[in-house]
Amino acid sequence: SGRKETVLDLAKFVDKGVQVKLTGGRQVTGTLKGYDQLLNLVLDEAVEFLRDQDDPLKTTDQTRRLGLIVCRGTAVMLVSPTDGTDEIANPFIQPDGA
C-alpha cells in the first residue's frame, strides 16, 4: 500500500523494440531489456537518430549505433513501441445528445 507504482506498465514491452524520446531532443530506438520504478530504461542494440544541424528540433535520417545503454528516468519523456500503434476512439468527444 505504501509502495509507489509507475503509471506506465512497461512489462509488455520487455524484449520488444521501443522508441524513447529524451529531454533535450535526443531520440533513441532499441530493444527494452529492463526498467525500474523510476523509469530508468536499459536498451540493447540502441540507435540514436542524429539531429539536423540547422534545426536541432528535427531529426535526420542519419543514425549512430550506441549498443547497450541506460536511459535515466528523469530524462525520459516518451516511450512508444516501434512496431506501430493502435488508433483509439477519442474519449473526450461528447455525444450529440449531451
Protein backbone atom coordinates (compact mmCIF):
# COMPACT_ATOMS: atom_id res chain seq x y z
CA SER A 1 0.00 0.00 0.00
CA GLY A 2 2.88 2.39 0.73
CA ARG A 3 4.74 1.26 -2.39
CA LYS A 4 4.64 3.53 -5.41
CA GLU A 5 3.83 2.02 -8.78
CA THR A 6 4.65 3.52 -12.13
CA VAL A 7 1.81 4.84 -14.25
CA LEU A 8 3.41 3.14 -17.24
CA ASP A 9 3.36 -0.67 -17.38
CA LEU A 10 6.47 -1.47 -19.38
CA ALA A 11 6.37 -5.24 -18.73
CA LYS A 12 4.62 -5.84 -22.06
CA PHE A 13 7.45 -4.07 -23.92
CA VAL A 14 10.35 -6.09 -22.46
CA ASP A 15 12.38 -7.77 -25.24
CA LYS A 16 10.50 -5.71 -27.84
CA GLY A 17 11.51 -2.65 -29.83
CA VAL A 18 10.77 0.73 -28.29
CA GLN A 19 11.35 4.33 -29.29
CA VAL A 20 12.40 6.68 -26.49
CA LYS A 21 12.39 10.48 -26.63
CA LEU A 22 14.60 12.18 -24.08
CA THR A 23 14.74 15.71 -22.74
CA GLY A 24 16.98 17.88 -24.88
CA GLY A 25 15.57 16.44 -28.11
CA ARG A 26 17.50 13.18 -28.35
CA GLN A 27 15.65 10.22 -29.82
CA VAL A 28 16.73 6.58 -29.42
CA THR A 29 15.32 3.23 -30.52
CA GLY A 30 16.31 -0.18 -29.21
CA THR A 31 15.19 -3.37 -27.52
CA LEU A 32 13.92 -2.83 -23.98
CA LYS A 33 15.83 -5.18 -21.69
CA GLY A 34 14.82 -3.80 -18.30
CA TYR A 35 13.36 -0.93 -16.30
CA ASP A 36 12.64 0.12 -12.73
CA GLN A 37 10.02 2.18 -10.88
CA LEU A 38 11.97 5.39 -11.56
CA LEU A 39 11.63 4.72 -15.31
CA ASN A 40 15.34 4.07 -15.79
CA LEU A 41 15.47 2.04 -19.00
CA VAL A 42 18.03 -0.46 -20.29
CA LEU A 43 18.07 -0.63 -24.09
CA ASP A 44 20.08 -3.08 -26.16
CA GLU A 45 21.13 -2.52 -29.79
CA ALA A 46 20.26 1.14 -29.31
CA VAL A 47 20.41 3.53 -32.24
CA GLU A 48 20.30 7.33 -31.87
CA PHE A 49 18.73 9.47 -34.57
CA LEU A 50 21.01 12.45 -35.13
CA ARG A 51 19.54 15.94 -35.22
CA ASP A 52 19.61 18.45 -38.04
CA GLN A 53 22.45 20.99 -37.79
CA ASP A 54 20.19 23.86 -38.86
CA ASP A 55 17.14 22.90 -36.77
CA PRO A 56 18.06 20.96 -33.60
CA LEU A 57 14.40 20.07 -33.01
CA LYS A 58 14.27 17.94 -36.18
CA THR A 59 15.90 14.54 -36.53
CA THR A 60 17.61 13.42 -39.73
CA ASP A 61 17.94 10.01 -41.41
CA GLN A 62 21.49 9.79 -40.03
CA THR A 63 21.90 7.37 -37.13
CA ARG A 64 24.58 6.44 -34.62
CA ARG A 65 24.84 2.94 -33.12
CA LEU A 66 25.09 3.05 -29.33
CA GLY A 67 24.79 -0.62 -28.31
CA LEU A 68 23.70 -1.31 -24.72
CA ILE A 69 22.65 1.88 -22.91
CA VAL A 70 20.84 3.06 -19.78
CA CYS A 71 18.37 5.92 -20.20
CA ARG A 72 17.97 7.74 -16.93
CA GLY A 73 14.34 8.00 -15.87
CA THR A 74 14.46 11.75 -15.22
CA ALA A 75 15.35 12.32 -18.89
CA VAL A 76 12.67 10.04 -20.39
CA MET A 77 9.80 11.98 -21.94
CA LEU A 78 8.16 9.36 -24.17
CA VAL A 79 8.27 5.58 -24.58
CA SER A 80 6.44 4.03 -27.53
CA PRO A 81 6.61 0.69 -29.35
CA THR A 82 8.43 0.64 -32.67
CA ASP A 83 6.10 -1.97 -34.16
CA GLY A 84 3.31 0.56 -34.53
CA THR A 85 0.48 1.95 -32.50
CA ASP A 86 -3.27 1.42 -32.47
CA GLU A 87 -5.69 4.27 -33.05
CA ILE A 88 -8.42 4.51 -30.42
CA ALA A 89 -11.66 6.48 -30.35
CA ASN A 90 -11.34 9.93 -28.77
CA PRO A 91 -12.72 9.57 -25.23
CA PHE A 92 -13.25 13.33 -24.91
CA ILE A 93 -15.77 13.76 -27.74
CA GLN A 94 -19.23 14.43 -26.34
CA PRO A 95 -22.15 12.51 -27.84
CA ASP A 96 -24.58 14.67 -29.82
CA GLY A 97 -27.31 14.32 -27.17
CA ALA A 98 -25.15 15.59 -24.28
